[in-house]
Each structure stands twice: as structure tokens, then as C-alpha cells.
PDB file of all heavy atoms in Angstrom:
ATOM      1  N   ILE A   1      -6.806   3.613   0.455  1.00  0.00           N
ATOM      2  CA  ILE A   1      -6.778   5.052   0.741  1.00  0.00           C
ATOM      3  C   ILE A   1      -6.432   5.269   2.208  1.00  0.00           C
ATOM      4  O   ILE A   1      -5.611   6.114   2.551  1.00  0.00           O
ATOM      5  CB  ILE A   1      -8.125   5.716   0.369  1.00  0.00           C
ATOM      6  CG1 ILE A   1      -8.295   5.733  -1.155  1.00  0.00           C
ATOM      7  CG2 ILE A   1      -8.218   7.135   0.935  1.00  0.00           C
ATOM      8  CD1 ILE A   1      -9.650   6.197  -1.629  1.00  0.00           C
ATOM      9  N   CYS A   2      -7.039   4.453   3.064  1.00  0.00           N
ATOM     10  CA  CYS A   2      -6.749   4.533   4.501  1.00  0.00           C
ATOM     11  C   CYS A   2      -5.273   4.246   4.760  1.00  0.00           C
ATOM     12  O   CYS A   2      -4.636   4.919   5.570  1.00  0.00           O
ATOM     13  CB  CYS A   2      -7.642   3.534   5.239  1.00  0.00           C
ATOM     14  SG  CYS A   2      -7.373   3.454   7.005  1.00  0.00           S
ATOM     15  N   LYS A   3      -4.733   3.244   4.097  1.00  0.00           N
ATOM     16  CA  LYS A   3      -3.312   2.929   4.255  1.00  0.00           C
ATOM     17  C   LYS A   3      -2.462   4.115   3.834  1.00  0.00           C
ATOM     18  O   LYS A   3      -1.483   4.458   4.481  1.00  0.00           O
ATOM     19  CB  LYS A   3      -2.921   1.698   3.426  1.00  0.00           C
ATOM     20  CG  LYS A   3      -3.392   0.388   4.003  1.00  0.00           C
ATOM     21  CD  LYS A   3      -2.640   0.083   5.256  1.00  0.00           C
ATOM     22  CE  LYS A   3      -3.011  -1.275   5.790  1.00  0.00           C
ATOM     23  NZ  LYS A   3      -2.430  -1.507   7.110  1.00  0.00           N
ATOM     24  N   GLY A   4      -2.827   4.734   2.714  1.00  0.00           N
ATOM     25  CA  GLY A   4      -2.081   5.892   2.239  1.00  0.00           C
ATOM     26  C   GLY A   4      -2.124   7.052   3.211  1.00  0.00           C
ATOM     27  O   GLY A   4      -1.155   7.795   3.359  1.00  0.00           O
ATOM     28  N   LEU A   5      -3.262   7.201   3.899  1.00  0.00           N
ATOM     29  CA  LEU A   5      -3.386   8.244   4.921  1.00  0.00           C
ATOM     30  C   LEU A   5      -2.436   7.987   6.077  1.00  0.00           C
ATOM     31  O   LEU A   5      -1.892   8.915   6.668  1.00  0.00           O
ATOM     32  CB  LEU A   5      -4.816   8.268   5.477  1.00  0.00           C
ATOM     33  CG  LEU A   5      -5.895   8.869   4.607  1.00  0.00           C
ATOM     34  CD1 LEU A   5      -7.259   8.524   5.171  1.00  0.00           C
ATOM     35  CD2 LEU A   5      -5.719  10.370   4.522  1.00  0.00           C
ATOM     36  N   ALA A   6      -2.290   6.715   6.427  1.00  0.00           N
ATOM     37  CA  ALA A   6      -1.541   6.356   7.636  1.00  0.00           C
ATOM     38  C   ALA A   6      -0.035   6.256   7.425  1.00  0.00           C
ATOM     39  O   ALA A   6       0.714   6.382   8.383  1.00  0.00           O
ATOM     40  CB  ALA A   6      -2.067   5.025   8.169  1.00  0.00           C
ATOM     41  N   LEU A   7       0.391   6.000   6.207  1.00  0.00           N
ATOM     42  CA  LEU A   7       1.822   5.836   5.958  1.00  0.00           C
ATOM     43  C   LEU A   7       2.513   7.190   5.979  1.00  0.00           C
ATOM     44  O   LEU A   7       2.024   8.154   5.399  1.00  0.00           O
ATOM     45  CB  LEU A   7       2.062   5.150   4.611  1.00  0.00           C
ATOM     46  CG  LEU A   7       1.620   3.694   4.524  1.00  0.00           C
ATOM     47  CD1 LEU A   7       1.701   3.206   3.087  1.00  0.00           C
ATOM     48  CD2 LEU A   7       2.463   2.819   5.432  1.00  0.00           C
ATOM     49  N   LYS A   8       3.652   7.251   6.653  1.00  0.00           N
ATOM     50  CA  LYS A   8       4.388   8.515   6.731  1.00  0.00           C
ATOM     51  C   LYS A   8       4.960   8.886   5.380  1.00  0.00           C
ATOM     52  O   LYS A   8       4.947  10.036   4.976  1.00  0.00           O
ATOM     53  CB  LYS A   8       5.496   8.409   7.769  1.00  0.00           C
ATOM     54  CG  LYS A   8       4.942   8.301   9.159  1.00  0.00           C
ATOM     55  CD  LYS A   8       6.027   8.194  10.188  1.00  0.00           C
ATOM     56  CE  LYS A   8       5.327   7.931  11.495  1.00  0.00           C
ATOM     57  NZ  LYS A   8       5.971   8.205  12.649  1.00  0.00           N
ATOM     58  N   LYS A   9       5.463   7.877   4.671  1.00  0.00           N
ATOM     59  CA  LYS A   9       6.022   8.117   3.343  1.00  0.00           C
ATOM     60  C   LYS A   9       5.534   7.010   2.423  1.00  0.00           C
ATOM     61  O   LYS A   9       5.700   5.833   2.720  1.00  0.00           O
ATOM     62  CB  LYS A   9       7.547   8.121   3.393  1.00  0.00           C
ATOM     63  CG  LYS A   9       8.184   8.421   2.068  1.00  0.00           C
ATOM     64  CD  LYS A   9       9.684   8.489   2.168  1.00  0.00           C
ATOM     65  CE  LYS A   9      10.241   8.781   0.784  1.00  0.00           C
ATOM     66  NZ  LYS A   9      11.690   8.747   0.771  1.00  0.00           N
ATOM     67  N   VAL A  10       4.923   7.388   1.325  1.00  0.00           N
ATOM     68  CA  VAL A  10       4.425   6.410   0.369  1.00  0.00           C
ATOM     69  C   VAL A  10       5.489   6.177  -0.688  1.00  0.00           C
ATOM     70  O   VAL A  10       5.925   7.110  -1.363  1.00  0.00           O
ATOM     71  CB  VAL A  10       3.104   6.877  -0.278  1.00  0.00           C
ATOM     72  CG1 VAL A  10       2.684   5.934  -1.384  1.00  0.00           C
ATOM     73  CG2 VAL A  10       2.012   6.981   0.764  1.00  0.00           C
ATOM     74  N   THR A  11       5.911   4.925  -0.801  1.00  0.00           N
ATOM     75  CA  THR A  11       6.875   4.532  -1.822  1.00  0.00           C
ATOM     76  C   THR A  11       6.208   3.531  -2.750  1.00  0.00           C
ATOM     77  O   THR A  11       5.145   2.982  -2.440  1.00  0.00           O
ATOM     78  CB  THR A  11       8.113   3.879  -1.183  1.00  0.00           C
ATOM     79  OG1 THR A  11       7.706   2.662  -0.538  1.00  0.00           O
ATOM     80  CG2 THR A  11       8.782   4.807  -0.174  1.00  0.00           C
ATOM     81  N   LEU A  12       6.848   3.274  -3.871  1.00  0.00           N
ATOM     82  CA  LEU A  12       6.342   2.266  -4.804  1.00  0.00           C
ATOM     83  C   LEU A  12       6.298   0.896  -4.126  1.00  0.00           C
ATOM     84  O   LEU A  12       5.363   0.113  -4.334  1.00  0.00           O
ATOM     85  CB  LEU A  12       7.216   2.219  -6.065  1.00  0.00           C
ATOM     86  CG  LEU A  12       6.751   1.287  -7.175  1.00  0.00           C
ATOM     87  CD1 LEU A  12       5.336   1.633  -7.628  1.00  0.00           C
ATOM     88  CD2 LEU A  12       7.711   1.339  -8.351  1.00  0.00           C
ATOM     89  N   LYS A  13       7.278   0.623  -3.270  1.00  0.00           N
ATOM     90  CA  LYS A  13       7.302  -0.650  -2.548  1.00  0.00           C
ATOM     91  C   LYS A  13       6.100  -0.767  -1.613  1.00  0.00           C
ATOM     92  O   LYS A  13       5.456  -1.809  -1.552  1.00  0.00           O
ATOM     93  CB  LYS A  13       8.604  -0.784  -1.754  1.00  0.00           C
ATOM     94  CG  LYS A  13       8.715  -2.094  -1.009  1.00  0.00           C
ATOM     95  CD  LYS A  13      10.009  -2.181  -0.226  1.00  0.00           C
ATOM     96  CE  LYS A  13      10.034  -3.490   0.567  1.00  0.00           C
ATOM     97  NZ  LYS A  13      11.182  -3.574   1.447  1.00  0.00           N
ATOM     98  N   ASN A  14       5.782   0.298  -0.868  1.00  0.00           N
ATOM     99  CA  ASN A  14       4.622   0.283   0.019  1.00  0.00           C
ATOM    100  C   ASN A  14       3.326   0.079  -0.766  1.00  0.00           C
ATOM    101  O   ASN A  14       2.484  -0.735  -0.397  1.00  0.00           O
ATOM    102  CB  ASN A  14       4.509   1.594   0.802  1.00  0.00           C
ATOM    103  CG  ASN A  14       5.595   1.766   1.831  1.00  0.00           C
ATOM    104  OD1 ASN A  14       6.276   0.826   2.203  1.00  0.00           O
ATOM    105  ND2 ASN A  14       5.762   2.990   2.279  1.00  0.00           N
ATOM    106  N   ALA A  15       3.165   0.839  -1.831  1.00  0.00           N
ATOM    107  CA  ALA A  15       1.959   0.723  -2.651  1.00  0.00           C
ATOM    108  C   ALA A  15       1.870  -0.669  -3.272  1.00  0.00           C
ATOM    109  O   ALA A  15       0.794  -1.271  -3.331  1.00  0.00           O
ATOM    110  CB  ALA A  15       1.953   1.802  -3.732  1.00  0.00           C
ATOM    111  N   GLY A  16       3.021  -1.202  -3.719  1.00  0.00           N
ATOM    112  CA  GLY A  16       3.046  -2.549  -4.303  1.00  0.00           C
ATOM    113  C   GLY A  16       2.688  -3.625  -3.296  1.00  0.00           C
ATOM    114  O   GLY A  16       1.999  -4.593  -3.617  1.00  0.00           O
ATOM    115  N   THR A  17       3.148  -3.456  -2.070  1.00  0.00           N
ATOM    116  CA  THR A  17       2.809  -4.417  -1.013  1.00  0.00           C
ATOM    117  C   THR A  17       1.307  -4.460  -0.786  1.00  0.00           C
ATOM    118  O   THR A  17       0.699  -5.535  -0.753  1.00  0.00           O
ATOM    119  CB  THR A  17       3.538  -4.047   0.299  1.00  0.00           C
ATOM    120  OG1 THR A  17       4.944  -4.101   0.074  1.00  0.00           O
ATOM    121  CG2 THR A  17       3.160  -4.994   1.427  1.00  0.00           C
ATOM    122  N   VAL A  18       0.695  -3.303  -0.656  1.00  0.00           N
ATOM    123  CA  VAL A  18      -0.759  -3.235  -0.464  1.00  0.00           C
ATOM    124  C   VAL A  18      -1.472  -3.814  -1.685  1.00  0.00           C
ATOM    125  O   VAL A  18      -2.396  -4.620  -1.560  1.00  0.00           O
ATOM    126  CB  VAL A  18      -1.208  -1.781  -0.193  1.00  0.00           C
ATOM    127  CG1 VAL A  18      -2.728  -1.670  -0.170  1.00  0.00           C
ATOM    128  CG2 VAL A  18      -0.625  -1.280   1.124  1.00  0.00           C
ATOM    129  N   GLY A  19      -1.030  -3.441  -2.878  1.00  0.00           N
ATOM    130  CA  GLY A  19      -1.644  -3.938  -4.107  1.00  0.00           C
ATOM    131  C   GLY A  19      -1.564  -5.447  -4.237  1.00  0.00           C
ATOM    132  O   GLY A  19      -2.540  -6.104  -4.627  1.00  0.00           O
ATOM    133  N   LEU A  20      -0.410  -6.015  -3.900  1.00  0.00           N
ATOM    134  CA  LEU A  20      -0.255  -7.473  -4.010  1.00  0.00           C
ATOM    135  C   LEU A  20      -1.099  -8.215  -2.976  1.00  0.00           C
ATOM    136  O   LEU A  20      -1.679  -9.262  -3.290  1.00  0.00           O
ATOM    137  CB  LEU A  20       1.214  -7.860  -3.888  1.00  0.00           C
ATOM    138  CG  LEU A  20       2.075  -7.505  -5.100  1.00  0.00           C
ATOM    139  CD1 LEU A  20       3.546  -7.797  -4.817  1.00  0.00           C
ATOM    140  CD2 LEU A  20       1.614  -8.240  -6.347  1.00  0.00           C
ATOM    141  N   TRP A  21      -1.182  -7.697  -1.770  1.00  0.00           N
ATOM    142  CA  TRP A  21      -2.035  -8.339  -0.759  1.00  0.00           C
ATOM    143  C   TRP A  21      -3.489  -8.343  -1.218  1.00  0.00           C
ATOM    144  O   TRP A  21      -4.136  -9.389  -1.239  1.00  0.00           O
ATOM    145  CB  TRP A  21      -1.934  -7.606   0.586  1.00  0.00           C
ATOM    146  CG  TRP A  21      -0.862  -8.119   1.475  1.00  0.00           C
ATOM    147  CD1 TRP A  21       0.359  -7.543   1.710  1.00  0.00           C
ATOM    148  CD2 TRP A  21      -0.889  -9.317   2.264  1.00  0.00           C
ATOM    149  NE1 TRP A  21       1.076  -8.309   2.590  1.00  0.00           N
ATOM    150  CE2 TRP A  21       0.330  -9.402   2.956  1.00  0.00           C
ATOM    151  CE3 TRP A  21      -1.832 -10.323   2.452  1.00  0.00           C
ATOM    152  CZ2 TRP A  21       0.633 -10.449   3.818  1.00  0.00           C
ATOM    153  CZ3 TRP A  21      -1.537 -11.362   3.314  1.00  0.00           C
ATOM    154  CH2 TRP A  21      -0.312 -11.426   3.983  1.00  0.00           C
ATOM    155  N   PHE A  22      -3.992  -7.166  -1.582  1.00  0.00           N
ATOM    156  CA  PHE A  22      -5.399  -7.069  -1.940  1.00  0.00           C
ATOM    157  C   PHE A  22      -5.691  -7.740  -3.276  1.00  0.00           C
ATOM    158  O   PHE A  22      -6.684  -8.458  -3.411  1.00  0.00           O
ATOM    159  CB  PHE A  22      -5.856  -5.610  -1.952  1.00  0.00           C
ATOM    160  CG  PHE A  22      -5.908  -4.990  -0.580  1.00  0.00           C
ATOM    161  CD1 PHE A  22      -5.738  -3.632  -0.421  1.00  0.00           C
ATOM    162  CD2 PHE A  22      -6.123  -5.749   0.555  1.00  0.00           C
ATOM    163  CE1 PHE A  22      -5.795  -3.047   0.835  1.00  0.00           C
ATOM    164  CE2 PHE A  22      -6.176  -5.187   1.820  1.00  0.00           C
ATOM    165  CZ  PHE A  22      -6.009  -3.823   1.952  1.00  0.00           C
ATOM    166  N   GLY A  23      -4.843  -7.531  -4.270  1.00  0.00           N
ATOM    167  CA  GLY A  23      -5.045  -8.172  -5.569  1.00  0.00           C
ATOM    168  C   GLY A  23      -4.958  -9.687  -5.481  1.00  0.00           C
ATOM    169  O   GLY A  23      -5.739 -10.407  -6.105  1.00  0.00           O
ATOM    170  N   GLY A  24      -4.003 -10.186  -4.689  1.00  0.00           N
ATOM    171  CA  GLY A  24      -3.853 -11.632  -4.526  1.00  0.00           C
ATOM    172  C   GLY A  24      -5.072 -12.275  -3.894  1.00  0.00           C
ATOM    173  O   GLY A  24      -5.562 -13.309  -4.363  1.00  0.00           O
ATOM    174  N   PHE A  25      -5.591 -11.649  -2.849  1.00  0.00           N
ATOM    175  CA  PHE A  25      -6.775 -12.212  -2.195  1.00  0.00           C
ATOM    176  C   PHE A  25      -8.032 -12.034  -3.037  1.00  0.00           C
ATOM    177  O   PHE A  25      -8.914 -12.894  -3.023  1.00  0.00           O
ATOM    178  CB  PHE A  25      -6.955 -11.629  -0.788  1.00  0.00           C
ATOM    179  CG  PHE A  25      -6.243 -12.436   0.252  1.00  0.00           C
ATOM    180  CD1 PHE A  25      -4.870 -12.286   0.434  1.00  0.00           C
ATOM    181  CD2 PHE A  25      -6.918 -13.369   1.013  1.00  0.00           C
ATOM    182  CE1 PHE A  25      -4.192 -13.042   1.374  1.00  0.00           C
ATOM    183  CE2 PHE A  25      -6.242 -14.136   1.961  1.00  0.00           C
ATOM    184  CZ  PHE A  25      -4.872 -13.982   2.140  1.00  0.00           C
TER     185      PHE A  25
END
């Protein structure tokens, strides 16, 4: 949620990057 607040434009690629980092770990 914090990342979404900070990103100027949310794209599927941005959301996927965050999801893969957190899901992977």
C-alpha cells in the first residue's frame, strides 16, 4: 500500500514487481 502511495503511476508491471519480490521472499 505504501508503495502504491509513492508511485506516480501504477502499472501492472510495477504491481507485478512488488508482488514477485514479496511473494518470492
